[in-house]
Amino acid sequence: GYLWHADTGCVFNSSDLNDIEYFEIYNYNKLKLFRFSSTLDKYVGYTEFGIKQATAFNNDKDIIADARARKEYICLNNIKLDYESALTKS
């Protein structure tokens, strides 16, 4: 069969929203097609299909707004807990 897979994550050095990078990576059968990076604030394609998807997503203001909102919803809420937890254990 075929496998569609998406990874999301947050890279951070502090709990400040400006220091957090949120990313989404979309793969098909272990091949990276395209990704969103909050640092670039856009989707980037890696294959012919991925470039088409990234272009379509970048031209849709609602999709970009949703990705930006996920940075705050997913990263900021969880990183505050993780960051505080790490500081109390170091």
PDB file of N, CA and C in Angstrom:
ATOM      1  N   GLY A   1       0.807  -1.178   0.000  1.00  0.00           N
ATOM      2  CA  GLY A   1       0.000   0.000   0.000  1.00  0.00           C
ATOM      3  C   GLY A   1       0.854   1.246   0.000  1.00  0.00           C
ATOM      4  N   TYR A   2       0.174   2.343   0.024  1.00  0.00           N
ATOM      5  CA  TYR A   2       0.816   3.640   0.022  1.00  0.00           C
ATOM      6  C   TYR A   2       0.614   4.317   1.370  1.00  0.00           C
ATOM      7  N   LEU A   3       1.574   5.126   1.760  1.00  0.00           N
ATOM      8  CA  LEU A   3       1.517   5.755   3.071  1.00  0.00           C
ATOM      9  C   LEU A   3       1.666   7.267   2.953  1.00  0.00           C
ATOM     10  N   TRP A   4       0.653   7.984   3.402  1.00  0.00           N
ATOM     11  CA  TRP A   4       0.684   9.446   3.510  1.00  0.00           C
ATOM     12  C   TRP A   4       0.964   9.737   4.967  1.00  0.00           C
ATOM     13  N   HIS A   5       1.957  10.564   5.234  1.00  0.00           N
ATOM     14  CA  HIS A   5       2.387  10.804   6.608  1.00  0.00           C
ATOM     15  C   HIS A   5       2.729  12.275   6.789  1.00  0.00           C
ATOM     16  N   ALA A   6       2.299  12.851   7.909  1.00  0.00           N
ATOM     17  CA  ALA A   6       2.617  14.245   8.220  1.00  0.00           C
ATOM     18  C   ALA A   6       3.244  14.309   9.602  1.00  0.00           C
ATOM     19  N   ASP A   7       4.321  15.060   9.709  1.00  0.00           N
ATOM     20  CA  ASP A   7       4.989  15.314  10.989  1.00  0.00           C
ATOM     21  C   ASP A   7       4.825  16.780  11.330  1.00  0.00           C
ATOM     22  N   THR A   8       4.594  17.061  12.597  1.00  0.00           N
ATOM     23  CA  THR A   8       4.579  18.438  13.069  1.00  0.00           C
ATOM     24  C   THR A   8       5.480  18.519  14.289  1.00  0.00           C
ATOM     25  N   GLY A   9       6.005  19.694  14.525  1.00  0.00           N
ATOM     26  CA  GLY A   9       6.870  19.838  15.691  1.00  0.00           C
ATOM     27  C   GLY A   9       7.199  21.282  15.979  1.00  0.00           C
ATOM     28  N   CYS A  10       7.846  21.462  17.115  1.00  0.00           N
ATOM     29  CA  CYS A  10       8.235  22.786  17.571  1.00  0.00           C
ATOM     30  C   CYS A  10       9.700  22.735  17.990  1.00  0.00           C
ATOM     31  N   VAL A  11      10.463  23.693  17.526  1.00  0.00           N
ATOM     32  CA  VAL A  11      11.861  23.830  17.926  1.00  0.00           C
ATOM     33  C   VAL A  11      11.951  25.132  18.700  1.00  0.00           C
ATOM     34  N   PHE A  12      12.549  25.082  19.906  1.00  0.00           N
ATOM     35  CA  PHE A  12      12.529  26.280  20.734  1.00  0.00           C
ATOM     36  C   PHE A  12      13.749  26.377  21.633  1.00  0.00           C
ATOM     37  N   ASN A  13      14.095  27.613  21.984  1.00  0.00           N
ATOM     38  CA  ASN A  13      15.158  27.894  22.940  1.00  0.00           C
ATOM     39  C   ASN A  13      14.621  28.623  24.163  1.00  0.00           C
ATOM     40  N   SER A  14      13.391  29.103  24.069  1.00  0.00           N
ATOM     41  CA  SER A  14      12.738  29.757  25.198  1.00  0.00           C
ATOM     42  C   SER A  14      11.237  29.633  24.995  1.00  0.00           C
ATOM     43  N   SER A  15      10.481  30.131  25.957  1.00  0.00           N
ATOM     44  CA  SER A  15       9.025  30.061  25.829  1.00  0.00           C
ATOM     45  C   SER A  15       8.452  31.291  25.127  1.00  0.00           C
ATOM     46  N   ASP A  16       9.306  32.170  24.617  1.00  0.00           N
ATOM     47  CA  ASP A  16       8.863  33.335  23.858  1.00  0.00           C
ATOM     48  C   ASP A  16       8.408  32.883  22.471  1.00  0.00           C
ATOM     49  N   LEU A  17       7.212  33.301  22.088  1.00  0.00           N
ATOM     50  CA  LEU A  17       6.649  32.866  20.808  1.00  0.00           C
ATOM     51  C   LEU A  17       7.561  33.204  19.635  1.00  0.00           C
ATOM     52  N   ASN A  18       8.300  34.295  19.694  1.00  0.00           N
ATOM     53  CA  ASN A  18       9.196  34.681  18.599  1.00  0.00           C
ATOM     54  C   ASN A  18      10.402  33.758  18.475  1.00  0.00           C
ATOM     55  N   ASP A  19      10.727  33.007  19.525  1.00  0.00           N
ATOM     56  CA  ASP A  19      11.870  32.088  19.502  1.00  0.00           C
ATOM     57  C   ASP A  19      11.473  30.660  19.149  1.00  0.00           C
ATOM     58  N   ILE A  20      10.237  30.464  18.766  1.00  0.00           N
ATOM     59  CA  ILE A  20       9.725  29.123  18.477  1.00  0.00           C
ATOM     60  C   ILE A  20       9.561  28.959  16.970  1.00  0.00           C
ATOM     61  N   GLU A  21      10.084  27.847  16.445  1.00  0.00           N
ATOM     62  CA  GLU A  21       9.807  27.502  15.045  1.00  0.00           C
ATOM     63  C   GLU A  21       8.826  26.343  15.036  1.00  0.00           C
ATOM     64  N   TYR A  22       7.724  26.518  14.333  1.00  0.00           N
ATOM     65  CA  TYR A  22       6.734  25.455  14.136  1.00  0.00           C
ATOM     66  C   TYR A  22       6.906  24.925  12.720  1.00  0.00           C
ATOM     67  N   PHE A  23       6.854  23.609  12.563  1.00  0.00           N
ATOM     68  CA  PHE A  23       6.976  23.041  11.224  1.00  0.00           C
ATOM     69  C   PHE A  23       5.978  21.922  11.010  1.00  0.00           C
ATOM     70  N   GLU A  24       5.615  21.735   9.762  1.00  0.00           N
ATOM     71  CA  GLU A  24       4.796  20.610   9.300  1.00  0.00           C
ATOM     72  C   GLU A  24       5.527  20.021   8.099  1.00  0.00           C
ATOM     73  N   ILE A  25       5.708  18.715   8.085  1.00  0.00           N
ATOM     74  CA  ILE A  25       6.367  18.046   6.963  1.00  0.00           C
ATOM     75  C   ILE A  25       5.414  16.991   6.421  1.00  0.00           C
ATOM     76  N   TYR A  26       5.160  17.022   5.130  1.00  0.00           N
ATOM     77  CA  TYR A  26       4.243  16.082   4.492  1.00  0.00           C
ATOM     78  C   TYR A  26       5.033  15.127   3.603  1.00  0.00           C
ATOM     79  N   ASN A  27       4.831  13.834   3.845  1.00  0.00           N
ATOM     80  CA  ASN A  27       5.570  12.782   3.148  1.00  0.00           C
ATOM     81  C   ASN A  27       4.602  11.817   2.478  1.00  0.00           C
ATOM     82  N   TYR A  28       5.071  11.212   1.407  1.00  0.00           N
ATOM     83  CA  TYR A  28       4.327  10.148   0.744  1.00  0.00           C
ATOM     84  C   TYR A  28       5.328   9.049   0.424  1.00  0.00           C
ATOM     85  N   ASN A  29       5.110   7.879   1.000  1.00  0.00           N
ATOM     86  CA  ASN A  29       6.025   6.747   0.833  1.00  0.00           C
ATOM     87  C   ASN A  29       7.475   7.141   1.130  1.00  0.00           C
ATOM     88  N   LYS A  30       7.706   7.787   2.258  1.00  0.00           N
ATOM     89  CA  LYS A  30       9.021   8.204   2.747  1.00  0.00           C
ATOM     90  C   LYS A  30       9.671   9.310   1.917  1.00  0.00           C
ATOM     91  N   LEU A  31       8.963   9.867   0.961  1.00  0.00           N
ATOM     92  CA  LEU A  31       9.479  10.945   0.130  1.00  0.00           C
ATOM     93  C   LEU A  31       8.906  12.266   0.640  1.00  0.00           C
ATOM     94  N   LYS A  32       9.783  13.188   1.017  1.00  0.00           N
ATOM     95  CA  LYS A  32       9.328  14.488   1.499  1.00  0.00           C
ATOM     96  C   LYS A  32       8.778  15.283   0.323  1.00  0.00           C
ATOM     97  N   LEU A  33       7.483  15.655   0.418  1.00  0.00           N
ATOM     98  CA  LEU A  33       6.834  16.384  -0.662  1.00  0.00           C
ATOM     99  C   LEU A  33       6.899  17.890  -0.455  1.00  0.00           C
ATOM    100  N   PHE A  34       6.453  18.338   0.724  1.00  0.00           N
ATOM    101  CA  PHE A  34       6.471  19.767   1.013  1.00  0.00           C
ATOM    102  C   PHE A  34       6.406  19.958   2.520  1.00  0.00           C
ATOM    103  N   ARG A  35       6.706  21.199   2.954  1.00  0.00           N
ATOM    104  CA  ARG A  35       6.683  21.500   4.379  1.00  0.00           C
ATOM    105  C   ARG A  35       6.284  22.938   4.610  1.00  0.00           C
ATOM    106  N   PHE A  36       5.802  23.195   5.818  1.00  0.00           N
ATOM    107  CA  PHE A  36       5.560  24.556   6.282  1.00  0.00           C
ATOM    108  C   PHE A  36       6.581  24.853   7.360  1.00  0.00           C
ATOM    109  N   SER A  37       7.152  26.039   7.315  1.00  0.00           N
ATOM    110  CA  SER A  37       8.066  26.503   8.356  1.00  0.00           C
ATOM    111  C   SER A  37       7.600  27.869   8.806  1.00  0.00           C
ATOM    112  N   SER A  38       7.385  28.028  10.112  1.00  0.00           N
ATOM    113  CA  SER A  38       6.962  29.334  10.612  1.00  0.00           C
ATOM    114  C   SER A  38       8.084  30.361  10.493  1.00  0.00           C
ATOM    115  N   THR A  39       9.319  29.910  10.427  1.00  0.00           N
ATOM    116  CA  THR A  39      10.433  30.842  10.225  1.00  0.00           C
ATOM    117  C   THR A  39      10.351  31.473   8.838  1.00  0.00           C
ATOM    118  N   LEU A  40      10.043  30.666   7.841  1.00  0.00           N
ATOM    119  CA  LEU A  40       9.869  31.178   6.478  1.00  0.00           C
ATOM    120  C   LEU A  40       8.474  31.746   6.273  1.00  0.00           C
ATOM    121  N   ASP A  41       7.533  31.334   7.108  1.00  0.00           N
ATOM    122  CA  ASP A  41       6.126  31.738   7.046  1.00  0.00           C
ATOM    123  C   ASP A  41       5.491  31.349   5.716  1.00  0.00           C
ATOM    124  N   LYS A  42       5.880  30.176   5.216  1.00  0.00           N
ATOM    125  CA  LYS A  42       5.297  29.681   3.974  1.00  0.00           C
ATOM    126  C   LYS A  42       5.579  28.190   3.822  1.00  0.00           C
ATOM    127  N   TYR A  43       4.897  27.607   2.838  1.00  0.00           N
ATOM    128  CA  TYR A  43       5.132  26.215   2.462  1.00  0.00           C
ATOM    129  C   TYR A  43       6.199  26.179   1.382  1.00  0.00           C
ATOM    130  N   VAL A  44       7.023  25.134   1.414  1.00  0.00           N
ATOM    131  CA  VAL A  44       8.084  24.948   0.432  1.00  0.00           C
ATOM    132  C   VAL A  44       7.951  23.540  -0.130  1.00  0.00           C
ATOM    133  N   GLY A  45       7.985  23.404  -1.451  1.00  0.00           N
ATOM    134  CA  GLY A  45       7.871  22.106  -2.101  1.00  0.00           C
ATOM    135  C   GLY A  45       9.223  21.513  -2.431  1.00  0.00           C
ATOM    136  N   TYR A  46       9.286  20.176  -2.426  1.00  0.00           N
ATOM    137  CA  TYR A  46      10.534  19.466  -2.728  1.00  0.00           C
ATOM    138  C   TYR A  46      10.432  18.571  -3.952  1.00  0.00           C
ATOM    139  N   THR A  47       9.215  18.299  -4.393  1.00  0.00           N
ATOM    140  CA  THR A  47       8.990  17.495  -5.593  1.00  0.00           C
ATOM    141  C   THR A  47       8.073  18.299  -6.511  1.00  0.00           C
ATOM    142  N   GLU A  48       7.851  17.814  -7.717  1.00  0.00           N
ATOM    143  CA  GLU A  48       6.947  18.518  -8.641  1.00  0.00           C
ATOM    144  C   GLU A  48       5.560  18.669  -8.014  1.00  0.00           C
ATOM    145  N   PHE A  49       5.043  17.573  -7.460  1.00  0.00           N
ATOM    146  CA  PHE A  49       3.739  17.634  -6.789  1.00  0.00           C
ATOM    147  C   PHE A  49       3.798  18.546  -5.573  1.00  0.00           C
ATOM    148  N   GLY A  50       4.867  18.438  -4.795  1.00  0.00           N
ATOM    149  CA  GLY A  50       5.011  19.246  -3.589  1.00  0.00           C
ATOM    150  C   GLY A  50       5.084  20.731  -3.879  1.00  0.00           C
ATOM    151  N   ILE A  51       5.735  21.107  -4.968  1.00  0.00           N
ATOM    152  CA  ILE A  51       5.817  22.515  -5.360  1.00  0.00           C
ATOM    153  C   ILE A  51       4.429  23.040  -5.725  1.00  0.00           C
ATOM    154  N   LYS A  52       3.640  22.218  -6.428  1.00  0.00           N
ATOM    155  CA  LYS A  52       2.278  22.625  -6.772  1.00  0.00           C
ATOM    156  C   LYS A  52       1.428  22.794  -5.516  1.00  0.00           C
ATOM    157  N   GLN A  53       1.545  21.859  -4.580  1.00  0.00           N
ATOM    158  CA  GLN A  53       0.791  21.953  -3.330  1.00  0.00           C
ATOM    159  C   GLN A  53       1.221  23.176  -2.529  1.00  0.00           C
ATOM    160  N   ALA A  54       2.523  23.390  -2.418  1.00  0.00           N
ATOM    161  CA  ALA A  54       3.038  24.523  -1.659  1.00  0.00           C
ATOM    162  C   ALA A  54       2.552  25.841  -2.261  1.00  0.00           C
ATOM    163  N   THR A  55       2.576  25.943  -3.572  1.00  0.00           N
ATOM    164  CA  THR A  55       2.109  27.157  -4.238  1.00  0.00           C
ATOM    165  C   THR A  55       0.627  27.384  -3.958  1.00  0.00           C
ATOM    166  N   ALA A  56      -0.163  26.332  -4.069  1.00  0.00           N
ATOM    167  CA  ALA A  56      -1.605  26.454  -3.804  1.00  0.00           C
ATOM    168  C   ALA A  56      -1.854  26.840  -2.347  1.00  0.00           C
ATOM    169  N   PHE A  57      -1.139  26.220  -1.418  1.00  0.00           N
ATOM    170  CA  PHE A  57      -1.319  26.530   0.004  1.00  0.00           C
ATOM    171  C   PHE A  57      -0.875  27.959   0.310  1.00  0.00           C
ATOM    172  N   ASN A  58       0.235  28.390  -0.268  1.00  0.00           N
ATOM    173  CA  ASN A  58       0.730  29.748  -0.023  1.00  0.00           C
ATOM    174  C   ASN A  58      -0.220  30.813  -0.572  1.00  0.00           C
ATOM    175  N   ASN A  59      -0.977  30.477  -1.593  1.00  0.00           N
ATOM    176  CA  ASN A  59      -1.923  31.424  -2.184  1.00  0.00           C
ATOM    177  C   ASN A  59      -3.275  31.430  -1.469  1.00  0.00           C
ATOM    178  N   ASP A  60      -3.463  30.537  -0.528  1.00  0.00           N
ATOM    179  CA  ASP A  60      -4.709  30.467   0.234  1.00  0.00           C
ATOM    180  C   ASP A  60      -4.476  31.077   1.620  1.00  0.00           C
ATOM    181  N   LYS A  61      -4.983  32.270   1.836  1.00  0.00           N
ATOM    182  CA  LYS A  61      -4.735  32.994   3.087  1.00  0.00           C
ATOM    183  C   LYS A  61      -5.272  32.248   4.306  1.00  0.00           C
ATOM    184  N   ASP A  62      -6.348  31.488   4.135  1.00  0.00           N
ATOM    185  CA  ASP A  62      -6.914  30.730   5.258  1.00  0.00           C
ATOM    186  C   ASP A  62      -5.985  29.603   5.701  1.00  0.00           C
ATOM    187  N   ILE A  63      -5.362  28.930   4.751  1.00  0.00           N
ATOM    188  CA  ILE A  63      -4.437  27.837   5.090  1.00  0.00           C
ATOM    189  C   ILE A  63      -3.218  28.391   5.813  1.00  0.00           C
ATOM    190  N   ILE A  64      -2.682  29.492   5.337  1.00  0.00           N
ATOM    191  CA  ILE A  64      -1.534  30.119   6.001  1.00  0.00           C
ATOM    192  C   ILE A  64      -1.925  30.598   7.396  1.00  0.00           C
ATOM    193  N   ALA A  65      -3.097  31.196   7.521  1.00  0.00           N
ATOM    194  CA  ALA A  65      -3.559  31.661   8.838  1.00  0.00           C
ATOM    195  C   ALA A  65      -3.731  30.489   9.803  1.00  0.00           C
ATOM    196  N   ASP A  66      -4.238  29.362   9.310  1.00  0.00           N
ATOM    197  CA  ASP A  66      -4.386  28.170  10.155  1.00  0.00           C
ATOM    198  C   ASP A  66      -3.033  27.650  10.622  1.00  0.00           C
ATOM    199  N   ALA A  67      -2.055  27.622   9.722  1.00  0.00           N
ATOM    200  CA  ALA A  67      -0.716  27.147  10.092  1.00  0.00           C
ATOM    201  C   ALA A  67      -0.098  28.073  11.140  1.00  0.00           C
ATOM    202  N   ARG A  68      -0.272  29.367  10.987  1.00  0.00           N
ATOM    203  CA  ARG A  68       0.236  30.322  11.972  1.00  0.00           C
ATOM    204  C   ARG A  68      -0.454  30.114  13.326  1.00  0.00           C
ATOM    205  N   ALA A  69      -1.747  29.866  13.284  1.00  0.00           N
ATOM    206  CA  ALA A  69      -2.495  29.650  14.524  1.00  0.00           C
ATOM    207  C   ALA A  69      -2.058  28.361  15.220  1.00  0.00           C
ATOM    208  N   ARG A  70      -1.727  27.332  14.447  1.00  0.00           N
ATOM    209  CA  ARG A  70      -1.264  26.069  15.055  1.00  0.00           C
ATOM    210  C   ARG A  70       0.046  26.268  15.805  1.00  0.00           C
ATOM    211  N   LYS A  71       0.882  27.191  15.342  1.00  0.00           N
ATOM    212  CA  LYS A  71       2.130  27.478  16.062  1.00  0.00           C
ATOM    213  C   LYS A  71       1.817  27.907  17.487  1.00  0.00           C
ATOM    214  N   GLU A  72       0.894  28.834  17.619  1.00  0.00           N
ATOM    215  CA  GLU A  72       0.546  29.314  18.955  1.00  0.00           C
ATOM    216  C   GLU A  72      -0.210  28.256  19.745  1.00  0.00           C
ATOM    217  N   TYR A  73      -1.172  27.595  19.105  1.00  0.00           N
ATOM    218  CA  TYR A  73      -2.008  26.616  19.796  1.00  0.00           C
ATOM    219  C   TYR A  73      -1.207  25.399  20.254  1.00  0.00           C
ATOM    220  N   ILE A  74      -0.387  24.866  19.370  1.00  0.00           N
ATOM    221  CA  ILE A  74       0.354  23.643  19.688  1.00  0.00           C
ATOM    222  C   ILE A  74       1.638  23.959  20.448  1.00  0.00           C
ATOM    223  N   CYS A  75       2.451  24.820  19.893  1.00  0.00           N
ATOM    224  CA  CYS A  75       3.781  25.053  20.472  1.00  0.00           C
ATOM    225  C   CYS A  75       3.726  25.857  21.759  1.00  0.00           C
ATOM    226  N   LEU A  76       3.125  27.022  21.696  1.00  0.00           N
ATOM    227  CA  LEU A  76       3.183  27.919  22.850  1.00  0.00           C
ATOM    228  C   LEU A  76       2.573  27.287  24.093  1.00  0.00           C
ATOM    229  N   ASN A  77       1.428  26.655  23.948  1.00  0.00           N
ATOM    230  CA  ASN A  77       0.766  26.050  25.108  1.00  0.00           C
ATOM    231  C   ASN A  77       1.578  24.910  25.710  1.00  0.00           C
ATOM    232  N   ASN A  78       2.204  24.107  24.876  1.00  0.00           N
ATOM    233  CA  ASN A  78       2.957  22.955  25.377  1.00  0.00           C
ATOM    234  C   ASN A  78       4.375  23.320  25.796  1.00  0.00           C
ATOM    235  N   ILE A  79       4.995  24.249  25.096  1.00  0.00           N
ATOM    236  CA  ILE A  79       6.381  24.597  25.406  1.00  0.00           C
ATOM    237  C   ILE A  79       6.486  25.269  26.764  1.00  0.00           C
ATOM    238  N   LYS A  80       5.498  26.063  27.139  1.00  0.00           N
ATOM    239  CA  LYS A  80       5.539  26.676  28.467  1.00  0.00           C
ATOM    240  C   LYS A  80       5.655  25.610  29.539  1.00  0.00           C
ATOM    241  N   LEU A  81       4.901  24.542  29.393  1.00  0.00           N
ATOM    242  CA  LEU A  81       4.968  23.441  30.364  1.00  0.00           C
ATOM    243  C   LEU A  81       6.308  22.719  30.288  1.00  0.00           C
ATOM    244  N   ASP A  82       6.751  22.406  29.085  1.00  0.00           N
ATOM    245  CA  ASP A  82       8.015  21.688  28.906  1.00  0.00           C
ATOM    246  C   ASP A  82       9.195  22.522  29.379  1.00  0.00           C
ATOM    247  N   TYR A  83       9.180  23.810  29.049  1.00  0.00           N
ATOM    248  CA  TYR A  83      10.287  24.689  29.407  1.00  0.00           C
ATOM    249  C   TYR A  83      10.373  24.844  30.929  1.00  0.00           C
ATOM    250  N   GLU A  84       9.253  25.052  31.585  1.00  0.00           N
ATOM    251  CA  GLU A  84       9.233  25.164  33.044  1.00  0.00           C
ATOM    252  C   GLU A  84       9.666  23.867  33.706  1.00  0.00           C
ATOM    253  N   SER A  85       9.233  22.764  33.148  1.00  0.00           N
ATOM    254  CA  SER A  85       9.614  21.463  33.682  1.00  0.00           C
ATOM    255  C   SER A  85      11.110  21.228  33.558  1.00  0.00           C
ATOM    256  N   ALA A  86      11.694  21.608  32.417  1.00  0.00           N
ATOM    257  CA  ALA A  86      13.134  21.437  32.204  1.00  0.00           C
ATOM    258  C   ALA A  86      13.925  22.332  33.148  1.00  0.00           C
ATOM    259  N   LEU A  87      13.465  23.541  33.368  1.00  0.00           N
ATOM    260  CA  LEU A  87      14.188  24.458  34.251  1.00  0.00           C
ATOM    261  C   LEU A  87      14.197  23.978  35.703  1.00  0.00           C
ATOM    262  N   THR A  88      13.128  23.352  36.127  1.00  0.00           N
ATOM    263  CA  THR A  88      13.068  22.908  37.522  1.00  0.00           C
ATOM    264  C   THR A  88      13.919  21.665  37.736  1.00  0.00           C
ATOM    265  N   LYS A  89      14.289  20.980  36.675  1.00  0.00           N
ATOM    266  CA  LYS A  89      15.091  19.755  36.799  1.00  0.00           C
ATOM    267  C   LYS A  89      16.556  19.983  36.493  1.00  0.00           C
ATOM    268  N   SER A  90      16.931  21.164  36.007  1.00  0.00           N
ATOM    269  CA  SER A  90      18.334  21.374  35.637  1.00  0.00           C
ATOM    270  C   SER A  90      19.121  21.961  36.789  1.00  0.00           C
TER     271      SER A  90
END
